[in-house]
PDB file of N, CA and C in Angstrom:
ATOM      1  N   MET A   1     -14.360  49.672  34.527  1.00  0.00           N
ATOM      2  CA  MET A   1     -15.931  49.350  34.205  1.00  0.00           C
ATOM      3  C   MET A   1     -16.715  49.616  34.840  1.00  0.00           C
ATOM      4  N   SER A   2     -16.496  48.974  36.246  1.00  0.00           N
ATOM      5  CA  SER A   2     -17.222  47.891  37.634  1.00  0.00           C
ATOM      6  C   SER A   2     -18.020  49.527  38.324  1.00  0.00           C
ATOM      7  N   TYR A   3     -16.948  50.448  38.196  1.00  0.00           N
ATOM      8  CA  TYR A   3     -17.272  51.774  39.016  1.00  0.00           C
ATOM      9  C   TYR A   3     -18.526  52.263  37.829  1.00  0.00           C
ATOM     10  N   VAL A   4     -17.942  52.426  37.037  1.00  0.00           N
ATOM     11  CA  VAL A   4     -19.706  52.744  35.938  1.00  0.00           C
ATOM     12  C   VAL A   4     -20.457  52.369  36.151  1.00  0.00           C
ATOM     13  N   ILE A   5     -20.284  50.881  36.336  1.00  0.00           N
ATOM     14  CA  ILE A   5     -21.680  50.263  36.147  1.00  0.00           C
ATOM     15  C   ILE A   5     -22.151  50.445  37.886  1.00  0.00           C
ATOM     16  N   ALA A   6     -21.747  50.337  39.033  1.00  0.00           N
ATOM     17  CA  ALA A   6     -21.909  50.562  39.940  1.00  0.00           C
ATOM     18  C   ALA A   6     -22.535  52.608  39.748  1.00  0.00           C
ATOM     19  N   TYR A   7     -21.996  53.279  39.248  1.00  0.00           N
ATOM     20  CA  TYR A   7     -22.460  54.768  39.252  1.00  0.00           C
ATOM     21  C   TYR A   7     -23.675  54.937  38.655  1.00  0.00           C
ATOM     22  N   ALA A   8     -23.812  54.445  37.854  1.00  0.00           N
ATOM     23  CA  ALA A   8     -25.293  54.033  36.554  1.00  0.00           C
ATOM     24  C   ALA A   8     -26.212  53.427  37.317  1.00  0.00           C
ATOM     25  N   ALA A   9     -26.231  52.234  38.078  1.00  0.00           N
ATOM     26  CA  ALA A   9     -26.970  51.278  38.896  1.00  0.00           C
ATOM     27  C   ALA A   9     -27.621  52.664  39.745  1.00  0.00           C
ATOM     28  N   THR A  10     -26.569  53.122  40.596  1.00  0.00           N
ATOM     29  CA  THR A  10     -26.561  53.904  41.845  1.00  0.00           C
ATOM     30  C   THR A  10     -27.676  55.346  41.570  1.00  0.00           C
ATOM     31  N   ALA A  11     -27.250  55.414  40.031  1.00  0.00           N
ATOM     32  CA  ALA A  11     -27.895  56.909  40.165  1.00  0.00           C
ATOM     33  C   ALA A  11     -29.588  56.172  39.537  1.00  0.00           C
ATOM     34  N   ILE A  12     -30.042  55.207  39.039  1.00  0.00           N
ATOM     35  CA  ILE A  12     -30.956  54.680  38.337  1.00  0.00           C
ATOM     36  C   ILE A  12     -31.909  54.671  40.064  1.00  0.00           C
ATOM     37  N   VAL A  13     -31.430  54.012  40.480  1.00  0.00           N
ATOM     38  CA  VAL A  13     -32.046  54.134  41.727  1.00  0.00           C
ATOM     39  C   VAL A  13     -32.242  55.398  42.709  1.00  0.00           C
ATOM     40  N   PHE A  14     -31.460  55.962  43.075  1.00  0.00           N
ATOM     41  CA  PHE A  14     -31.484  57.152  43.484  1.00  0.00           C
ATOM     42  C   PHE A  14     -32.264  58.169  42.693  1.00  0.00           C
ATOM     43  N   PHE A  15     -32.336  58.319  41.498  1.00  0.00           N
ATOM     44  CA  PHE A  15     -33.665  59.027  40.623  1.00  0.00           C
ATOM     45  C   PHE A  15     -34.756  58.880  40.737  1.00  0.00           C
ATOM     46  N   GLY A  16     -35.265  57.512  40.765  1.00  0.00           N
ATOM     47  CA  GLY A  16     -35.935  56.949  41.295  1.00  0.00           C
ATOM     48  C   GLY A  16     -37.214  56.816  42.161  1.00  0.00           C
ATOM     49  N   LEU A  17     -35.854  56.221  43.116  1.00  0.00           N
ATOM     50  CA  LEU A  17     -37.054  56.841  44.469  1.00  0.00           C
ATOM     51  C   LEU A  17     -36.948  58.589  44.662  1.00  0.00           C
ATOM     52  N   ASP A  18     -35.750  58.461  44.473  1.00  0.00           N
ATOM     53  CA  ASP A  18     -36.430  60.701  44.406  1.00  0.00           C
ATOM     54  C   ASP A  18     -36.914  61.277  44.112  1.00  0.00           C
ATOM     55  N   TYR A  19     -36.665  60.713  43.342  1.00  0.00           N
ATOM     56  CA  TYR A  19     -38.564  61.151  41.863  1.00  0.00           C
ATOM     57  C   TYR A  19     -40.046  61.270  43.005  1.00  0.00           C
ATOM     58  N   ILE A  20     -39.723  59.936  43.250  1.00  0.00           N
ATOM     59  CA  ILE A  20     -40.965  58.968  43.898  1.00  0.00           C
ATOM     60  C   ILE A  20     -41.210  60.492  45.441  1.00  0.00           C
ATOM     61  N   TRP A  21     -40.015  60.335  45.567  1.00  0.00           N
ATOM     62  CA  TRP A  21     -40.046  61.263  47.558  1.00  0.00           C
ATOM     63  C   TRP A  21     -40.771  62.450  47.087  1.00  0.00           C
ATOM     64  N   LEU A  22     -39.650  63.200  46.010  1.00  0.00           N
ATOM     65  CA  LEU A  22     -40.397  64.835  45.828  1.00  0.00           C
ATOM     66  C   LEU A  22     -41.164  64.808  45.529  1.00  0.00           C
ATOM     67  N   SER A  23     -42.186  64.157  44.347  1.00  0.00           N
ATOM     68  CA  SER A  23     -42.973  64.096  43.606  1.00  0.00           C
ATOM     69  C   SER A  23     -44.505  63.442  44.400  1.00  0.00           C
ATOM     70  N   ARG A  24     -44.693  62.959  44.871  1.00  0.00           N
ATOM     71  CA  ARG A  24     -45.643  62.139  45.549  1.00  0.00           C
ATOM     72  C   ARG A  24     -45.808  62.750  46.879  1.00  0.00           C
ATOM     73  N   VAL A  25     -44.543  62.347  47.676  1.00  0.00           N
ATOM     74  CA  VAL A  25     -44.584  62.388  49.326  1.00  0.00           C
ATOM     75  C   VAL A  25     -44.473  63.718  49.636  1.00  0.00           C
ATOM     76  N   ALA A  26     -42.752  64.359  50.021  1.00  0.00           N
ATOM     77  CA  ALA A  26     -42.625  65.275  49.868  1.00  0.00           C
ATOM     78  C   ALA A  26     -43.164  66.523  49.289  1.00  0.00           C
ATOM     79  N   ALA A  27     -44.149  66.686  48.263  1.00  0.00           N
ATOM     80  CA  ALA A  27     -44.296  67.943  47.722  1.00  0.00           C
ATOM     81  C   ALA A  27     -44.843  68.572  48.967  1.00  0.00           C
ATOM     82  N   GLY A  28     -46.227  68.270  48.351  1.00  0.00           N
ATOM     83  CA  GLY A  28     -46.902  69.236  49.555  1.00  0.00           C
ATOM     84  C   GLY A  28     -46.748  69.296  50.959  1.00  0.00           C
ATOM     85  N   PHE A  29     -45.644  67.920  51.817  1.00  0.00           N
ATOM     86  CA  PHE A  29     -44.964  68.355  52.883  1.00  0.00           C
ATOM     87  C   PHE A  29     -43.959  69.267  52.708  1.00  0.00           C
ATOM     88  N   TYR A  30     -43.363  70.031  51.841  1.00  0.00           N
ATOM     89  CA  TYR A  30     -42.546  70.943  51.658  1.00  0.00           C
ATOM     90  C   TYR A  30     -43.111  72.333  51.692  1.00  0.00           C
ATOM     91  N   ARG A  31     -43.970  72.480  50.656  1.00  0.00           N
ATOM     92  CA  ARG A  31     -44.834  73.106  50.836  1.00  0.00           C
ATOM     93  C   ARG A  31     -45.211  74.002  51.420  1.00  0.00           C
ATOM     94  N   ASP A  32     -46.150  73.272  52.669  1.00  0.00           N
ATOM     95  CA  ASP A  32     -46.520  73.607  53.646  1.00  0.00           C
ATOM     96  C   ASP A  32     -46.311  73.979  54.756  1.00  0.00           C
ATOM     97  N   ARG A  33     -45.029  73.336  55.212  1.00  0.00           N
ATOM     98  CA  ARG A  33     -44.474  74.311  56.036  1.00  0.00           C
ATOM     99  C   ARG A  33     -43.196  74.941  55.469  1.00  0.00           C
ATOM    100  N   MET A  34     -42.186  74.667  53.672  1.00  0.00           N
ATOM    101  CA  MET A  34     -41.370  75.422  54.144  1.00  0.00           C
ATOM    102  C   MET A  34     -42.040  76.772  51.801  1.00  0.00           C
ATOM    103  N   GLY A  35     -43.027  76.672  52.333  1.00  0.00           N
ATOM    104  CA  GLY A  35     -43.463  76.977  50.299  1.00  0.00           C
ATOM    105  C   GLY A  35     -42.264  78.714  50.547  1.00  0.00           C
ATOM    106  N   HIS A  36     -42.067  79.508  51.086  1.00  0.00           N
ATOM    107  CA  HIS A  36     -42.151  80.748  51.329  1.00  0.00           C
ATOM    108  C   HIS A  36     -40.692  80.426  51.142  1.00  0.00           C
ATOM    109  N   LEU A  37     -39.821  79.617  51.311  1.00  0.00           N
ATOM    110  CA  LEU A  37     -38.698  79.325  51.228  1.00  0.00           C
ATOM    111  C   LEU A  37     -38.550  78.735  49.606  1.00  0.00           C
ATOM    112  N   LEU A  38     -39.602  78.732  49.361  1.00  0.00           N
ATOM    113  CA  LEU A  38     -39.543  77.540  47.356  1.00  0.00           C
ATOM    114  C   LEU A  38     -39.109  77.999  46.268  1.00  0.00           C
ATOM    115  N   LEU A  39     -38.643  77.906  45.858  1.00  0.00           N
ATOM    116  CA  LEU A  39     -37.912  78.819  44.322  1.00  0.00           C
ATOM    117  C   LEU A  39     -39.617  77.775  43.545  1.00  0.00           C
ATOM    118  N   ASP A  40     -40.222  79.784  42.463  1.00  0.00           N
ATOM    119  CA  ASP A  40     -41.412  78.706  41.310  1.00  0.00           C
ATOM    120  C   ASP A  40     -40.866  77.938  40.719  1.00  0.00           C
ATOM    121  N   GLN A  41     -39.646  78.053  40.494  1.00  0.00           N
ATOM    122  CA  GLN A  41     -39.095  76.990  39.690  1.00  0.00           C
ATOM    123  C   GLN A  41     -37.553  75.908  40.011  1.00  0.00           C
ATOM    124  N   PRO A  42     -37.719  74.646  39.963  1.00  0.00           N
ATOM    125  CA  PRO A  42     -36.603  74.578  40.441  1.00  0.00           C
ATOM    126  C   PRO A  42     -35.427  75.274  39.561  1.00  0.00           C
ATOM    127  N   ASN A  43     -34.201  74.998  40.500  1.00  0.00           N
ATOM    128  CA  ASN A  43     -33.109  74.964  39.833  1.00  0.00           C
ATOM    129  C   ASN A  43     -32.668  74.024  38.948  1.00  0.00           C
ATOM    130  N   PHE A  44     -32.766  73.712  38.137  1.00  0.00           N
ATOM    131  CA  PHE A  44     -32.148  72.191  37.378  1.00  0.00           C
ATOM    132  C   PHE A  44     -30.593  72.222  37.870  1.00  0.00           C
ATOM    133  N   ALA A  45     -29.864  73.366  37.149  1.00  0.00           N
ATOM    134  CA  ALA A  45     -28.140  73.105  36.911  1.00  0.00           C
ATOM    135  C   ALA A  45     -27.856  72.890  38.244  1.00  0.00           C
ATOM    136  N   ALA A  46     -28.414  73.815  39.517  1.00  0.00           N
ATOM    137  CA  ALA A  46     -27.882  73.135  41.336  1.00  0.00           C
ATOM    138  C   ALA A  46     -28.502  72.368  41.248  1.00  0.00           C
ATOM    139  N   ALA A  47     -29.797  71.225  40.941  1.00  0.00           N
ATOM    140  CA  ALA A  47     -30.148  69.718  41.415  1.00  0.00           C
ATOM    141  C   ALA A  47     -28.705  68.611  40.621  1.00  0.00           C
ATOM    142  N   GLY A  48     -28.991  69.294  39.190  1.00  0.00           N
ATOM    143  CA  GLY A  48     -27.978  68.068  38.256  1.00  0.00           C
ATOM    144  C   GLY A  48     -26.256  68.203  39.020  1.00  0.00           C
ATOM    145  N   MET A  49     -25.829  69.320  39.480  1.00  0.00           N
ATOM    146  CA  MET A  49     -24.642  69.372  39.479  1.00  0.00           C
ATOM    147  C   MET A  49     -24.822  68.198  41.538  1.00  0.00           C
ATOM    148  N   PHE A  50     -25.393  68.347  42.338  1.00  0.00           N
ATOM    149  CA  PHE A  50     -25.479  67.857  43.460  1.00  0.00           C
ATOM    150  C   PHE A  50     -26.302  65.864  43.148  1.00  0.00           C
ATOM    151  N   TYR A  51     -26.939  66.057  42.161  1.00  0.00           N
ATOM    152  CA  TYR A  51     -26.840  64.550  41.698  1.00  0.00           C
ATOM    153  C   TYR A  51     -25.338  63.582  41.514  1.00  0.00           C
ATOM    154  N   LEU A  52     -25.463  64.158  40.648  1.00  0.00           N
ATOM    155  CA  LEU A  52     -23.756  63.893  40.475  1.00  0.00           C
ATOM    156  C   LEU A  52     -22.609  63.428  40.844  1.00  0.00           C
ATOM    157  N   PHE A  53     -22.614  64.457  42.064  1.00  0.00           N
ATOM    158  CA  PHE A  53     -21.573  64.515  43.303  1.00  0.00           C
ATOM    159  C   PHE A  53     -21.719  63.020  44.687  1.00  0.00           C
ATOM    160  N   TYR A  54     -23.275  63.263  44.603  1.00  0.00           N
ATOM    161  CA  TYR A  54     -23.506  62.686  45.739  1.00  0.00           C
ATOM    162  C   TYR A  54     -24.041  61.254  45.008  1.00  0.00           C
ATOM    163  N   VAL A  55     -24.227  61.063  43.774  1.00  0.00           N
ATOM    164  CA  VAL A  55     -24.299  59.298  43.426  1.00  0.00           C
ATOM    165  C   VAL A  55     -22.592  59.321  43.368  1.00  0.00           C
ATOM    166  N   ALA A  56     -21.991  59.918  42.824  1.00  0.00           N
ATOM    167  CA  ALA A  56     -20.230  59.649  43.229  1.00  0.00           C
ATOM    168  C   ALA A  56     -19.720  59.736  44.888  1.00  0.00           C
ATOM    169  N   GLY A  57     -20.775  60.302  45.622  1.00  0.00           N
ATOM    170  CA  GLY A  57     -20.539  59.697  47.320  1.00  0.00           C
ATOM    171  C   GLY A  57     -20.937  58.634  47.501  1.00  0.00           C
ATOM    172  N   VAL A  58     -22.242  58.442  46.964  1.00  0.00           N
ATOM    173  CA  VAL A  58     -22.224  57.125  47.460  1.00  0.00           C
ATOM    174  C   VAL A  58     -22.184  56.062  46.711  1.00  0.00           C
ATOM    175  N   VAL A  59     -21.472  55.751  45.505  1.00  0.00           N
ATOM    176  CA  VAL A  59     -20.551  54.711  44.992  1.00  0.00           C
ATOM    177  C   VAL A  59     -18.908  54.629  45.947  1.00  0.00           C
ATOM    178  N   TYR A  60     -18.548  55.651  45.995  1.00  0.00           N
ATOM    179  CA  TYR A  60     -17.220  55.917  46.643  1.00  0.00           C
ATOM    180  C   TYR A  60     -17.333  55.180  47.418  1.00  0.00           C
ATOM    181  N   PHE A  61     -18.581  55.876  48.644  1.00  0.00           N
ATOM    182  CA  PHE A  61     -18.527  55.259  50.170  1.00  0.00           C
ATOM    183  C   PHE A  61     -18.849  54.059  50.559  1.00  0.00           C
ATOM    184  N   ALA A  62     -19.745  54.160  49.514  1.00  0.00           N
ATOM    185  CA  ALA A  62     -21.312  53.123  50.466  1.00  0.00           C
ATOM    186  C   ALA A  62     -20.472  51.276  48.940  1.00  0.00           C
ATOM    187  N   VAL A  63     -20.773  52.027  47.556  1.00  0.00           N
ATOM    188  CA  VAL A  63     -20.804  50.875  46.718  1.00  0.00           C
ATOM    189  C   VAL A  63     -19.673  49.887  46.380  1.00  0.00           C
ATOM    190  N   ALA A  64     -18.840  51.152  45.919  1.00  0.00           N
ATOM    191  CA  ALA A  64     -16.971  50.631  45.663  1.00  0.00           C
ATOM    192  C   ALA A  64     -16.533  49.413  46.849  1.00  0.00           C
ATOM    193  N   PRO A  65     -17.138  49.728  48.518  1.00  0.00           N
ATOM    194  CA  PRO A  65     -16.595  49.058  49.506  1.00  0.00           C
ATOM    195  C   PRO A  65     -17.175  47.849  49.545  1.00  0.00           C
ATOM    196  N   ALA A  66     -18.076  47.723  49.434  1.00  0.00           N
ATOM    197  CA  ALA A  66     -19.458  46.611  49.555  1.00  0.00           C
ATOM    198  C   ALA A  66     -18.933  46.030  48.364  1.00  0.00           C
ATOM    199  N   LEU A  67     -18.403  46.469  46.845  1.00  0.00           N
ATOM    200  CA  LEU A  67     -18.053  45.149  46.012  1.00  0.00           C
ATOM    201  C   LEU A  67     -17.176  44.623  46.481  1.00  0.00           C
ATOM    202  N   SER A  68     -16.070  45.094  46.997  1.00  0.00           N
ATOM    203  CA  SER A  68     -14.309  45.068  47.146  1.00  0.00           C
ATOM    204  C   SER A  68     -14.492  43.832  48.224  1.00  0.00           C
ATOM    205  N   ASN A  69     -15.380  44.147  49.118  1.00  0.00           N
ATOM    206  CA  ASN A  69     -15.503  42.924  50.347  1.00  0.00           C
ATOM    207  C   ASN A  69     -15.989  41.581  50.061  1.00  0.00           C
ATOM    208  N   GLY A  70     -17.414  42.069  49.208  1.00  0.00           N
ATOM    209  CA  GLY A  70     -18.385  41.816  49.202  1.00  0.00           C
ATOM    210  C   GLY A  70     -19.561  41.019  50.502  1.00  0.00           C
ATOM    211  N   THR A  71     -19.353  42.071  51.131  1.00  0.00           N
ATOM    212  CA  THR A  71     -20.158  41.902  52.495  1.00  0.00           C
ATOM    213  C   THR A  71     -21.575  43.615  52.171  1.00  0.00           C
ATOM    214  N   ALA A  72     -22.336  42.623  52.723  1.00  0.00           N
ATOM    215  CA  ALA A  72     -23.837  43.973  52.595  1.00  0.00           C
ATOM    216  C   ALA A  72     -23.693  44.981  53.497  1.00  0.00           C
ATOM    217  N   THR A  73     -23.010  44.481  54.735  1.00  0.00           N
ATOM    218  CA  THR A  73     -22.442  45.156  55.984  1.00  0.00           C
ATOM    219  C   THR A  73     -21.184  46.058  55.401  1.00  0.00           C
ATOM    220  N   SER A  74     -20.943  46.401  54.916  1.00  0.00           N
ATOM    221  CA  SER A  74     -20.274  47.519  54.949  1.00  0.00           C
ATOM    222  C   SER A  74     -20.632  48.610  54.126  1.00  0.00           C
ATOM    223  N   ALA A  75     -21.122  48.183  53.186  1.00  0.00           N
ATOM    224  CA  ALA A  75     -22.261  49.128  52.644  1.00  0.00           C
ATOM    225  C   ALA A  75     -23.136  50.023  53.183  1.00  0.00           C
ATOM    226  N   LEU A  76     -23.618  48.695  54.389  1.00  0.00           N
ATOM    227  CA  LEU A  76     -24.518  49.404  55.080  1.00  0.00           C
ATOM    228  C   LEU A  76     -24.005  50.769  56.467  1.00  0.00           C
ATOM    229  N   ILE A  77     -22.897  50.122  57.040  1.00  0.00           N
ATOM    230  CA  ILE A  77     -21.713  51.139  57.652  1.00  0.00           C
ATOM    231  C   ILE A  77     -21.451  52.411  56.846  1.00  0.00           C
ATOM    232  N   ALA A  78     -20.929  51.673  55.623  1.00  0.00           N
ATOM    233  CA  ALA A  78     -20.084  53.316  55.055  1.00  0.00           C
ATOM    234  C   ALA A  78     -21.268  54.072  54.319  1.00  0.00           C
ATOM    235  N   GLY A  79     -23.077  53.328  54.209  1.00  0.00           N
ATOM    236  CA  GLY A  79     -24.143  54.395  53.408  1.00  0.00           C
ATOM    237  C   GLY A  79     -24.537  55.080  54.449  1.00  0.00           C
ATOM    238  N   ALA A  80     -24.458  54.253  56.295  1.00  0.00           N
ATOM    239  CA  ALA A  80     -25.006  54.971  56.836  1.00  0.00           C
ATOM    240  C   ALA A  80     -24.274  56.646  57.701  1.00  0.00           C
ATOM    241  N   LEU A  81     -22.765  55.806  57.013  1.00  0.00           N
ATOM    242  CA  LEU A  81     -21.691  57.714  57.670  1.00  0.00           C
ATOM    243  C   LEU A  81     -21.957  58.111  56.752  1.00  0.00           C
ATOM    244  N   LEU A  82     -22.782  58.392  55.412  1.00  0.00           N
ATOM    245  CA  LEU A  82     -22.338  58.589  54.912  1.00  0.00           C
ATOM    246  C   LEU A  82     -23.924  59.939  54.836  1.00  0.00           C
ATOM    247  N   GLY A  83     -25.136  59.220  55.245  1.00  0.00           N
ATOM    248  CA  GLY A  83     -26.123  59.770  55.613  1.00  0.00           C
ATOM    249  C   GLY A  83     -27.125  59.083  54.378  1.00  0.00           C
ATOM    250  N   SER A  84     -26.834  58.197  53.447  1.00  0.00           N
ATOM    251  CA  SER A  84     -28.173  57.729  52.418  1.00  0.00           C
ATOM    252  C   SER A  84     -28.895  56.827  52.984  1.00  0.00           C
TER     253      SER A  84
END
């Protein structure tokens, strides 16, 4: 049950931060530099699959070790290795 809670909490934080990044910060940045590569409409199925697997990876590699060890250092190291 703790993995379900960890997955849900990680997903909420990740979606919130990614929404802010994509809608507020990066929209103009990406459009200016890579506009010719971007689709007119996002591929939501591909994005959904990415988010499902990426959040699972964050939970497996960063959150779960931190929960089992009880230290933030293990989460930081594992998350850094994952690239989060």
